[in-house]
C-alpha atoms as a PDB file:
ATOM      1  CA  MET A   1      30.262  30.058 -61.544  1.00  0.00           C
ATOM      2  CA  GLU A   2      30.280  28.315 -64.898  1.00  0.00           C
ATOM      3  CA  LYS A   3      28.376  30.101 -67.665  1.00  0.00           C
ATOM      4  CA  GLN A   4      26.899  28.286 -70.640  1.00  0.00           C
ATOM      5  CA  ASN A   5      24.541  29.129 -73.483  1.00  0.00           C
ATOM      6  CA  PHE A   6      21.697  27.097 -74.916  1.00  0.00           C
ATOM      7  CA  GLU A   7      20.911  28.100 -78.468  1.00  0.00           C
ATOM      8  CA  LEU A   8      17.373  27.748 -79.780  1.00  0.00           C
ATOM      9  CA  ARG A   9      17.094  26.437 -83.314  1.00  0.00           C
ATOM     10  CA  ASN A  10      15.783  28.838 -85.956  1.00  0.00           C
ATOM     11  CA  ASN A  11      12.315  27.286 -85.961  1.00  0.00           C
ATOM     12  CA  GLU A  12      12.037  27.029 -82.153  1.00  0.00           C
ATOM     13  CA  GLU A  13      10.170  29.628 -80.126  1.00  0.00           C
ATOM     14  CA  PHE A  14      10.888  27.838 -76.837  1.00  0.00           C
ATOM     15  CA  VAL A  15      12.281  24.629 -75.333  1.00  0.00           C
ATOM     16  CA  GLU A  16      11.109  22.918 -72.147  1.00  0.00           C
ATOM     17  CA  LEU A  17      13.225  23.277 -69.003  1.00  0.00           C
ATOM     18  CA  ASN A  18      13.590  19.527 -68.377  1.00  0.00           C
ATOM     19  CA  LYS A  19      14.863  19.001 -71.944  1.00  0.00           C
ATOM     20  CA  ILE A  20      17.566  21.652 -71.510  1.00  0.00           C
ATOM     21  CA  LEU A  21      18.853  19.976 -68.338  1.00  0.00           C
ATOM     22  CA  LYS A  22      19.042  16.679 -70.197  1.00  0.00           C
ATOM     23  CA  LEU A  23      20.634  18.103 -73.360  1.00  0.00           C
ATOM     24  CA  LYS A  24      23.253  20.037 -71.351  1.00  0.00           C
ATOM     25  CA  GLN A  25      24.020  16.765 -69.490  1.00  0.00           C
ATOM     26  CA  ILE A  26      23.250  18.275 -66.086  1.00  0.00           C
ATOM     27  CA  ALA A  27      20.673  15.512 -65.662  1.00  0.00           C
ATOM     28  CA  GLN A  28      21.496  11.999 -66.864  1.00  0.00           C
ATOM     29  CA  THR A  29      17.878  11.257 -67.838  1.00  0.00           C
ATOM     30  CA  GLY A  30      14.524  12.963 -68.174  1.00  0.00           C
ATOM     31  CA  GLY A  31      13.524  11.395 -64.848  1.00  0.00           C
ATOM     32  CA  HIS A  32      16.616  12.842 -63.175  1.00  0.00           C
ATOM     33  CA  ALA A  33      15.798  16.289 -64.602  1.00  0.00           C
ATOM     34  CA  LYS A  34      12.279  15.984 -63.182  1.00  0.00           C
ATOM     35  CA  ILE A  35      13.660  15.172 -59.703  1.00  0.00           C
ATOM     36  CA  LEU A  36      16.088  18.125 -59.776  1.00  0.00           C
ATOM     37  CA  ILE A  37      13.206  20.472 -60.621  1.00  0.00           C
ATOM     38  CA  GLU A  38      10.742  18.949 -58.121  1.00  0.00           C
ATOM     39  CA  ASP A  39      13.360  19.190 -55.347  1.00  0.00           C
ATOM     40  CA  GLY A  40      13.654  22.960 -55.894  1.00  0.00           C
ATOM     41  CA  LEU A  41      17.260  22.836 -57.112  1.00  0.00           C
ATOM     42  CA  VAL A  42      16.602  24.835 -60.293  1.00  0.00           C
ATOM     43  CA  GLN A  43      16.140  28.603 -60.531  1.00  0.00           C
ATOM     44  CA  VAL A  44      14.796  30.416 -63.565  1.00  0.00           C
ATOM     45  CA  ASN A  45      15.327  34.177 -63.745  1.00  0.00           C
ATOM     46  CA  GLY A  46      16.157  34.283 -60.021  1.00  0.00           C
ATOM     47  CA  GLU A  47      13.103  32.306 -58.800  1.00  0.00           C
ATOM     48  CA  VAL A  48      12.905  28.633 -57.804  1.00  0.00           C
ATOM     49  CA  GLU A  49      11.037  26.832 -60.596  1.00  0.00           C
ATOM     50  CA  PHE A  50       8.926  23.718 -60.012  1.00  0.00           C
ATOM     51  CA  ARG A  51       7.351  23.397 -63.480  1.00  0.00           C
ATOM     52  CA  LYS A  52       9.186  20.641 -65.351  1.00  0.00           C
ATOM     53  CA  ARG A  53       7.958  21.770 -68.741  1.00  0.00           C
ATOM     54  CA  ARG A  54       8.366  25.501 -68.260  1.00  0.00           C
ATOM     55  CA  LYS A  55       8.767  27.069 -71.683  1.00  0.00           C
ATOM     56  CA  MET A  56      12.218  28.608 -71.828  1.00  0.00           C
ATOM     57  CA  ARG A  57      12.608  31.473 -74.295  1.00  0.00           C
ATOM     58  CA  LYS A  58      15.460  33.727 -75.444  1.00  0.00           C
ATOM     59  CA  GLY A  59      16.890  35.751 -72.570  1.00  0.00           C
ATOM     60  CA  ASP A  60      15.825  33.341 -69.794  1.00  0.00           C
ATOM     61  CA  LEU A  61      18.503  32.329 -67.264  1.00  0.00           C
ATOM     62  CA  ILE A  62      18.684  28.928 -65.568  1.00  0.00           C
ATOM     63  CA  LEU A  63      20.797  28.457 -62.443  1.00  0.00           C
ATOM     64  CA  ILE A  64      21.552  24.987 -61.096  1.00  0.00           C
ATOM     65  CA  GLU A  65      24.468  23.677 -59.028  1.00  0.00           C
ATOM     66  CA  GLY A  66      26.712  26.658 -59.799  1.00  0.00           C
ATOM     67  CA  ILE A  67      25.995  26.525 -63.535  1.00  0.00           C
ATOM     68  CA  GLU A  68      24.240  29.416 -65.257  1.00  0.00           C
ATOM     69  CA  ILE A  69      22.634  28.694 -68.632  1.00  0.00           C
ATOM     70  CA  GLU A  70      21.361  31.527 -70.795  1.00  0.00           C
ATOM     71  CA  ILE A  71      18.861  30.833 -73.562  1.00  0.00           C
ATOM     72  CA  VAL A  72      20.025  32.532 -76.758  1.00  0.00           C
END
């Protein structure tokens, strides 16, 4: 399994799940990110997540297609 980090900026309390998938280039577009989430391919903290704009905060873990992304 590949492990990656996503670092919040100093002024950010959270970032939306679909934006992380796009920024980490797991999804080519925002629409692609939406489809991945709607199809149940994304887990957050061990649970399948269907909310595209779930607020991801420090310590959250995203798992998709063998890639684990930790929010730091």
